[in-house]
Amino acid sequence: MSSLSSTLQYIQKTTLFGLSWFYISFGVTGCILNICLFSRKQFRATSCCKYFLASSVGMLFNLLIYSIPTLYGYYYTNPLTYNVLFCKFRYYFNNNTSVIYRLILSAASFDRSASSSSNVRLRNLANVKFAYRVIGTIIILVFLVHIHMLIFYNIKTNTCYNSLDAIGITLVSIFSLINNSVLPTILMVIFTIFIRKNLAARRKRRQNNILLQERINQNEEIQLKRDQQVLRMLFTQIIAYFIITSPYMIYSINNIISPYIQNKSSDRIAIENFIAGISGGLSYVFPTVSFYVYTLTSSLFRNELYVMLRSTFCCPIKNCRIEPTATN
């Protein structure tokens, strides 16, 4: 092993160890808070929040499946180097949870697009019941479509790898690139464009009929503000997703071409493995920051977080009683 290879391996191991602690400390905590908040009564009637809730669960499992084995492998022998079943199931569930939460966020974009549409049939699809169906369908299809990972992943020379030939690996890499990056990104962009057009048309209709605004009751105004807050959270989430996942998307494209390059030097292989490990580790930044994105962009989310934390850790005044102390 060359000095460059050993140095890069040490840097990669140390970096991924630090990232894993960061993901556990901030990402897992944030996902749990997301789940608690989106489960509250105030968000239950909004179908988009069901997608946010489901994606937060997917993000939580995704972070745990990646971080815990990485932390364990820093102190002890990594099971990925000797346990075939762990190799298969870890990559299977890690990949699936990643694809699931990304597709669910794409579905959330469709939900807001349908909700803002002037088409009655589309608006009827923006409901909680339909959201449950979409989420269930995504989960089932993703687990079925990626079943090949349980068959073709194996261990060789202490490495968990895909045992397909070069053509098979290329096809799987293209399929993975589409599922993990291209398809969710394209769907989010398309639905975002539709949302902007629908909102512009809605504003125009309201300007042409001022009397309609005067007839909106208080409950409708509250729901409208809530929908605007959710839409802002969605837009910010899409922007963060695109920025954070772009480097990994670029690496995935390079990964498709790489197997066909002949006569690689040991240093080049070490550099490619280092880039693969670091870019893969950084791809978990997005689920880690989702809670903080919601907190920064939505006053409704911040208020609900404050109420939840206050009710959890503080004693409500009306329930607090000062018991008299006995005197001799």
Protein backbone atom coordinates (compact mmCIF):
# COMPACT_ATOMS: atom_id res chain seq x y z
CA MET A 1 0.00 0.00 0.00
CA SER A 2 1.43 3.37 -1.07
CA SER A 3 1.86 6.25 1.35
CA LEU A 4 -0.80 8.26 -0.52
CA SER A 5 -3.31 5.43 -0.23
CA SER A 6 -2.74 4.96 3.50
CA THR A 7 -2.91 8.72 4.11
CA LEU A 8 -6.18 9.07 2.20
CA GLN A 9 -7.67 6.08 4.01
CA TYR A 10 -6.81 7.62 7.37
CA ILE A 11 -8.26 11.02 6.36
CA GLN A 12 -11.40 9.36 5.01
CA LYS A 13 -11.92 7.22 8.12
CA THR A 14 -11.43 10.19 10.45
CA THR A 15 -13.63 12.51 8.38
CA LEU A 16 -16.50 10.02 8.13
CA PHE A 17 -16.20 9.35 11.87
CA GLY A 18 -16.62 13.07 12.59
CA LEU A 19 -19.48 13.39 10.10
CA SER A 20 -21.25 10.41 11.66
CA TRP A 21 -21.16 11.99 15.10
CA PHE A 22 -22.46 15.20 13.55
CA TYR A 23 -25.31 13.30 11.89
CA ILE A 24 -26.20 11.48 15.10
CA SER A 25 -26.02 14.61 17.26
CA PHE A 26 -27.81 17.06 15.01
CA GLY A 27 -29.45 15.05 12.23
CA VAL A 28 -31.13 12.34 14.29
CA THR A 29 -32.23 14.91 16.88
CA GLY A 30 -33.64 17.13 14.14
CA CYS A 31 -35.51 14.25 12.45
CA ILE A 32 -37.08 13.22 15.77
CA LEU A 33 -38.22 16.80 16.37
CA ASN A 34 -39.61 16.91 12.81
CA ILE A 35 -41.60 13.73 13.45
CA CYS A 36 -42.95 15.08 16.75
CA LEU A 37 -43.92 18.42 15.21
CA PHE A 38 -45.56 17.11 12.03
CA SER A 39 -47.54 14.66 14.17
CA ARG A 40 -49.17 17.53 16.09
CA LYS A 41 -52.81 18.46 15.58
CA GLN A 42 -52.04 21.74 13.82
CA PHE A 43 -50.34 19.91 10.92
CA ARG A 44 -52.58 16.85 10.63
CA ALA A 45 -55.11 18.42 8.26
CA THR A 46 -52.45 19.55 5.76
CA SER A 47 -51.64 16.82 3.26
CA CYS A 48 -48.19 18.23 2.46
CA CYS A 49 -47.21 17.82 6.11
CA LYS A 50 -47.94 14.10 5.80
CA TYR A 51 -45.27 13.94 3.13
CA PHE A 52 -42.91 15.93 5.36
CA LEU A 53 -43.64 13.52 8.22
CA ALA A 54 -42.99 10.43 6.09
CA SER A 55 -39.80 11.91 4.60
CA SER A 56 -38.55 12.73 8.11
CA VAL A 57 -39.02 9.09 9.14
CA GLY A 58 -37.08 8.01 6.05
CA MET A 59 -34.32 10.51 6.81
CA LEU A 60 -34.09 9.27 10.40
CA PHE A 61 -33.58 5.65 9.35
CA ASN A 62 -31.20 6.71 6.58
CA LEU A 63 -28.97 8.57 9.03
CA LEU A 64 -29.01 5.75 11.59
CA ILE A 65 -28.25 3.03 9.03
CA TYR A 66 -25.25 4.99 7.79
CA SER A 67 -23.87 6.51 10.98
CA ILE A 68 -24.04 3.66 13.50
CA PRO A 69 -21.98 1.13 11.43
CA THR A 70 -19.52 3.90 10.54
CA LEU A 71 -18.98 4.77 14.21
CA TYR A 72 -18.69 1.09 15.13
CA GLY A 73 -16.19 0.51 12.33
CA TYR A 74 -13.96 3.28 13.66
CA TYR A 75 -13.35 1.46 16.96
CA TYR A 76 -13.81 -2.17 15.90
CA THR A 77 -13.65 -4.26 12.75
CA ASN A 78 -16.32 -3.07 10.36
CA PRO A 79 -18.95 -5.82 9.74
CA LEU A 80 -19.03 -4.75 6.09
CA THR A 81 -15.63 -6.41 5.67
CA TYR A 82 -16.65 -9.90 6.80
CA ASN A 83 -20.43 -10.29 7.29
CA VAL A 84 -22.15 -10.97 3.94
CA LEU A 85 -25.70 -10.58 5.28
CA PHE A 86 -24.85 -7.27 6.91
CA CYS A 87 -23.22 -6.14 3.66
CA LYS A 88 -26.35 -6.95 1.65
CA PHE A 89 -28.96 -5.58 4.04
CA ARG A 90 -27.05 -2.46 5.00
CA TYR A 91 -26.66 -1.31 1.40
CA TYR A 92 -30.23 -2.41 0.60
CA PHE A 93 -31.91 -0.47 3.42
CA ASN A 94 -29.52 2.47 3.23
CA ASN A 95 -30.20 2.94 -0.48
CA ASN A 96 -33.95 2.41 -0.13
CA THR A 97 -34.47 4.89 2.70
CA SER A 98 -32.53 7.48 0.70
CA VAL A 99 -34.64 6.95 -2.43
CA ILE A 100 -37.88 6.87 -0.42
CA TYR A 101 -37.49 10.21 1.35
CA ARG A 102 -36.39 11.91 -1.89
CA LEU A 103 -39.36 10.61 -3.87
CA ILE A 104 -41.71 11.54 -1.03
CA LEU A 105 -40.39 15.11 -1.13
CA SER A 106 -41.10 15.08 -4.87
CA ALA A 107 -44.63 13.93 -4.04
CA ALA A 108 -44.91 16.85 -1.61
CA SER A 109 -44.09 19.18 -4.52
CA PHE A 110 -46.90 17.57 -6.54
CA ASP A 111 -49.26 17.98 -3.58
CA ARG A 112 -48.65 21.73 -3.39
CA SER A 113 -48.92 22.00 -7.18
CA ALA A 114 -52.29 20.23 -7.11
CA SER A 115 -53.45 22.29 -4.12
CA SER A 116 -52.75 25.57 -5.92
CA SER A 117 -54.25 24.44 -9.25
CA SER A 118 -57.49 25.86 -10.68
CA ASN A 119 -58.42 22.34 -11.81
CA VAL A 120 -60.91 20.85 -9.35
CA ARG A 121 -59.80 17.26 -10.01
CA LEU A 122 -56.19 18.11 -9.24
CA ARG A 123 -57.13 20.01 -6.08
CA ASN A 124 -59.06 16.95 -4.87
CA LEU A 125 -55.79 14.98 -4.95
CA ALA A 126 -54.27 17.29 -2.33
CA ASN A 127 -55.79 15.48 0.63
CA VAL A 128 -54.50 13.37 3.50
CA LYS A 129 -56.07 10.11 2.31
CA PHE A 130 -54.41 10.36 -1.10
CA ALA A 131 -51.10 11.28 0.58
CA TYR A 132 -51.18 8.04 2.57
CA ARG A 133 -51.75 6.06 -0.64
CA VAL A 134 -48.87 7.76 -2.44
CA ILE A 135 -46.48 7.26 0.48
CA GLY A 136 -47.39 3.57 0.78
CA THR A 137 -47.01 3.03 -2.97
CA ILE A 138 -43.57 4.69 -3.02
CA ILE A 139 -42.31 2.56 -0.13
CA ILE A 140 -43.52 -0.73 -1.64
CA LEU A 141 -42.22 0.01 -5.15
CA VAL A 142 -38.79 1.15 -3.94
CA PHE A 143 -38.24 -1.99 -1.88
CA LEU A 144 -39.34 -4.21 -4.77
CA VAL A 145 -37.36 -2.41 -7.49
CA HIS A 146 -34.06 -2.59 -5.53
CA ILE A 147 -34.37 -6.24 -4.51
CA HIS A 148 -31.41 -7.00 -6.81
CA MET A 149 -29.09 -5.48 -4.19
CA LEU A 150 -29.76 -8.41 -1.86
CA ILE A 151 -28.61 -10.78 -4.62
CA PHE A 152 -25.57 -9.17 -6.19
CA TYR A 153 -23.82 -7.52 -3.24
CA ASN A 154 -21.02 -9.63 -1.79
CA ILE A 155 -17.69 -9.40 0.03
CA LYS A 156 -14.32 -9.71 -1.65
CA THR A 157 -10.92 -8.80 -0.18
CA ASN A 158 -12.61 -7.26 2.88
CA THR A 159 -14.80 -5.01 0.71
CA CYS A 160 -18.57 -5.01 0.28
CA TYR A 161 -19.11 -4.57 -3.45
CA ASN A 162 -21.49 -5.15 -6.36
CA SER A 163 -20.50 -8.47 -7.96
CA LEU A 164 -22.00 -7.69 -11.39
CA ASP A 165 -19.76 -7.30 -14.46
CA ALA A 166 -18.82 -3.92 -15.90
CA ILE A 167 -21.96 -3.62 -18.03
CA GLY A 168 -24.20 -4.63 -15.13
CA ILE A 169 -22.53 -2.14 -12.79
CA THR A 170 -22.95 0.59 -15.40
CA LEU A 171 -26.67 -0.13 -15.78
CA VAL A 172 -27.15 -0.24 -12.00
CA SER A 173 -25.18 3.01 -11.61
CA ILE A 174 -27.36 4.73 -14.22
CA PHE A 175 -30.49 3.39 -12.54
CA SER A 176 -29.23 4.56 -9.14
CA LEU A 177 -28.34 7.99 -10.52
CA ILE A 178 -31.86 8.39 -11.92
CA ASN A 179 -33.56 7.22 -8.71
CA ASN A 180 -31.41 9.10 -6.23
CA SER A 181 -30.75 12.35 -8.05
CA VAL A 182 -32.12 12.97 -11.53
CA LEU A 183 -35.76 11.89 -11.10
CA PRO A 184 -36.42 13.65 -7.75
CA THR A 185 -34.69 16.82 -8.96
CA ILE A 186 -36.61 16.95 -12.26
CA LEU A 187 -39.93 16.30 -10.53
CA MET A 188 -39.29 19.00 -7.92
CA VAL A 189 -38.32 21.54 -10.58
CA ILE A 190 -41.36 20.75 -12.77
CA PHE A 191 -43.84 20.95 -9.90
CA THR A 192 -42.20 24.12 -8.58
CA ILE A 193 -42.74 25.77 -11.97
CA PHE A 194 -46.39 24.69 -11.90
CA ILE A 195 -46.77 26.03 -8.36
CA ARG A 196 -45.42 29.45 -9.34
CA LYS A 197 -47.74 29.61 -12.36
CA ASN A 198 -50.74 28.52 -10.28
CA LEU A 199 -50.02 31.09 -7.57
CA ALA A 200 -49.62 33.85 -10.15
CA ALA A 201 -52.98 32.91 -11.69
CA ARG A 202 -54.59 32.82 -8.24
CA ARG A 203 -53.31 36.29 -7.37
CA LYS A 204 -54.64 37.62 -10.66
CA ARG A 205 -58.08 36.14 -10.01
CA ARG A 206 -58.16 37.72 -6.55
CA GLN A 207 -57.16 41.10 -7.88
CA ASN A 208 -60.04 40.92 -10.36
CA ASN A 209 -62.51 40.09 -7.62
CA ILE A 210 -61.80 42.12 -4.51
CA LEU A 211 -65.13 41.20 -2.99
CA LEU A 212 -63.98 37.61 -2.74
CA GLN A 213 -61.27 38.61 -0.31
CA GLU A 214 -63.77 40.38 1.93
CA ARG A 215 -65.86 37.23 2.23
CA ILE A 216 -63.01 35.02 3.38
CA ASN A 217 -63.70 34.11 6.97
CA GLN A 218 -61.12 33.89 9.73
CA ASN A 219 -60.66 30.11 9.51
CA GLU A 220 -59.93 30.31 5.79
CA GLU A 221 -57.40 33.07 6.41
CA ILE A 222 -55.63 30.92 9.00
CA GLN A 223 -55.57 27.95 6.62
CA LEU A 224 -54.28 30.18 3.81
CA LYS A 225 -51.41 31.44 5.98
CA ARG A 226 -50.63 27.88 7.01
CA ASP A 227 -50.51 26.77 3.37
CA GLN A 228 -48.18 29.67 2.54
CA GLN A 229 -45.86 28.66 5.37
CA VAL A 230 -45.80 25.05 4.17
CA LEU A 231 -45.11 26.21 0.62
CA ARG A 232 -42.19 28.33 1.82
CA MET A 233 -40.78 25.34 3.70
CA LEU A 234 -41.09 23.24 0.54
CA PHE A 235 -39.35 25.79 -1.68
CA THR A 236 -36.45 26.15 0.74
CA GLN A 237 -36.19 22.37 1.07
CA ILE A 238 -35.97 21.99 -2.71
CA ILE A 239 -33.22 24.62 -2.99
CA ALA A 240 -31.23 23.00 -0.15
CA TYR A 241 -31.68 19.56 -1.73
CA PHE A 242 -30.35 20.73 -5.10
CA ILE A 243 -27.32 22.52 -3.62
CA ILE A 244 -26.31 19.71 -1.24
CA THR A 245 -26.85 16.74 -3.59
CA SER A 246 -25.25 18.29 -6.70
CA PRO A 247 -21.66 17.18 -5.86
CA TYR A 248 -22.78 13.59 -5.33
CA MET A 249 -24.73 13.70 -8.59
CA ILE A 250 -21.57 14.80 -10.42
CA TYR A 251 -19.58 12.00 -8.79
CA SER A 252 -22.27 9.45 -9.76
CA ILE A 253 -21.92 10.46 -13.40
CA ASN A 254 -18.15 9.98 -13.16
CA ASN A 255 -18.74 6.62 -11.48
CA ILE A 256 -20.58 5.40 -14.58
CA ILE A 257 -17.59 6.16 -16.82
CA SER A 258 -14.85 5.05 -14.42
CA PRO A 259 -15.09 1.22 -14.85
CA TYR A 260 -14.19 1.53 -18.55
CA ILE A 261 -10.92 3.36 -17.91
CA GLN A 262 -8.04 0.91 -18.23
CA ASN A 263 -4.60 0.75 -16.60
CA LYS A 264 -5.36 2.87 -13.55
CA SER A 265 -2.47 3.54 -11.21
CA SER A 266 -2.73 2.64 -7.53
CA ASP A 267 -2.70 6.32 -6.62
CA ARG A 268 -5.60 7.07 -8.97
CA ILE A 269 -7.62 4.18 -7.51
CA ALA A 270 -6.89 5.49 -4.00
CA ILE A 271 -8.01 8.99 -4.98
CA GLU A 272 -11.21 7.68 -6.59
CA ASN A 273 -12.03 5.59 -3.51
CA PHE A 274 -11.38 8.62 -1.31
CA ILE A 275 -13.69 10.84 -3.38
CA ALA A 276 -16.34 8.11 -3.39
CA GLY A 277 -16.24 7.77 0.40
CA ILE A 278 -16.26 11.51 1.14
CA SER A 279 -18.94 12.41 -1.42
CA GLY A 280 -21.10 9.55 -0.19
CA GLY A 281 -20.67 10.70 3.41
CA LEU A 282 -21.51 14.31 2.56
CA SER A 283 -24.75 13.24 0.84
CA TYR A 284 -26.25 12.77 4.33
CA VAL A 285 -25.95 16.48 5.09
CA PHE A 286 -29.36 17.11 3.51
CA PRO A 287 -31.42 14.92 5.89
CA THR A 288 -29.35 16.34 8.74
CA VAL A 289 -30.23 19.97 8.04
CA SER A 290 -33.92 19.46 7.12
CA PHE A 291 -35.16 20.36 10.61
CA TYR A 292 -33.05 23.52 10.72
CA VAL A 293 -34.26 24.51 7.25
CA TYR A 294 -37.86 24.25 8.45
CA THR A 295 -37.05 26.22 11.59
CA LEU A 296 -35.36 29.07 9.75
CA THR A 297 -38.00 29.46 7.04
CA SER A 298 -41.32 29.03 8.84
CA SER A 299 -42.60 31.10 11.77
CA LEU A 300 -45.47 28.60 12.19
CA PHE A 301 -42.95 25.78 12.56
CA ARG A 302 -40.93 27.79 15.10
CA ASN A 303 -44.04 28.63 17.12
CA GLU A 304 -45.14 25.00 17.20
CA LEU A 305 -41.63 23.95 18.22
CA TYR A 306 -41.67 26.48 21.06
CA VAL A 307 -45.10 25.31 22.25
CA MET A 308 -44.08 21.66 22.09
CA LEU A 309 -40.82 22.18 24.00
CA ARG A 310 -42.52 24.38 26.59
CA SER A 311 -45.28 21.83 27.19
CA THR A 312 -42.69 19.04 27.42
CA PHE A 313 -40.10 20.59 29.71
CA CYS A 314 -42.03 23.30 31.53
CA CYS A 315 -44.88 22.93 33.96
CA PRO A 316 -48.00 24.79 32.75
CA ILE A 317 -48.96 27.47 35.23
CA LYS A 318 -52.53 26.27 35.62
CA ASN A 319 -51.33 22.77 36.56
CA CYS A 320 -48.61 23.87 38.94
CA ARG A 321 -49.59 23.84 42.59
CA ILE A 322 -47.55 24.98 45.55
CA GLU A 323 -48.12 22.51 48.34
CA PRO A 324 -48.07 23.93 51.88
CA THR A 325 -45.17 22.77 53.99
CA ALA A 326 -45.84 21.24 57.35
CA THR A 327 -44.74 23.32 60.35
CA ASN A 328 -44.06 22.10 63.83
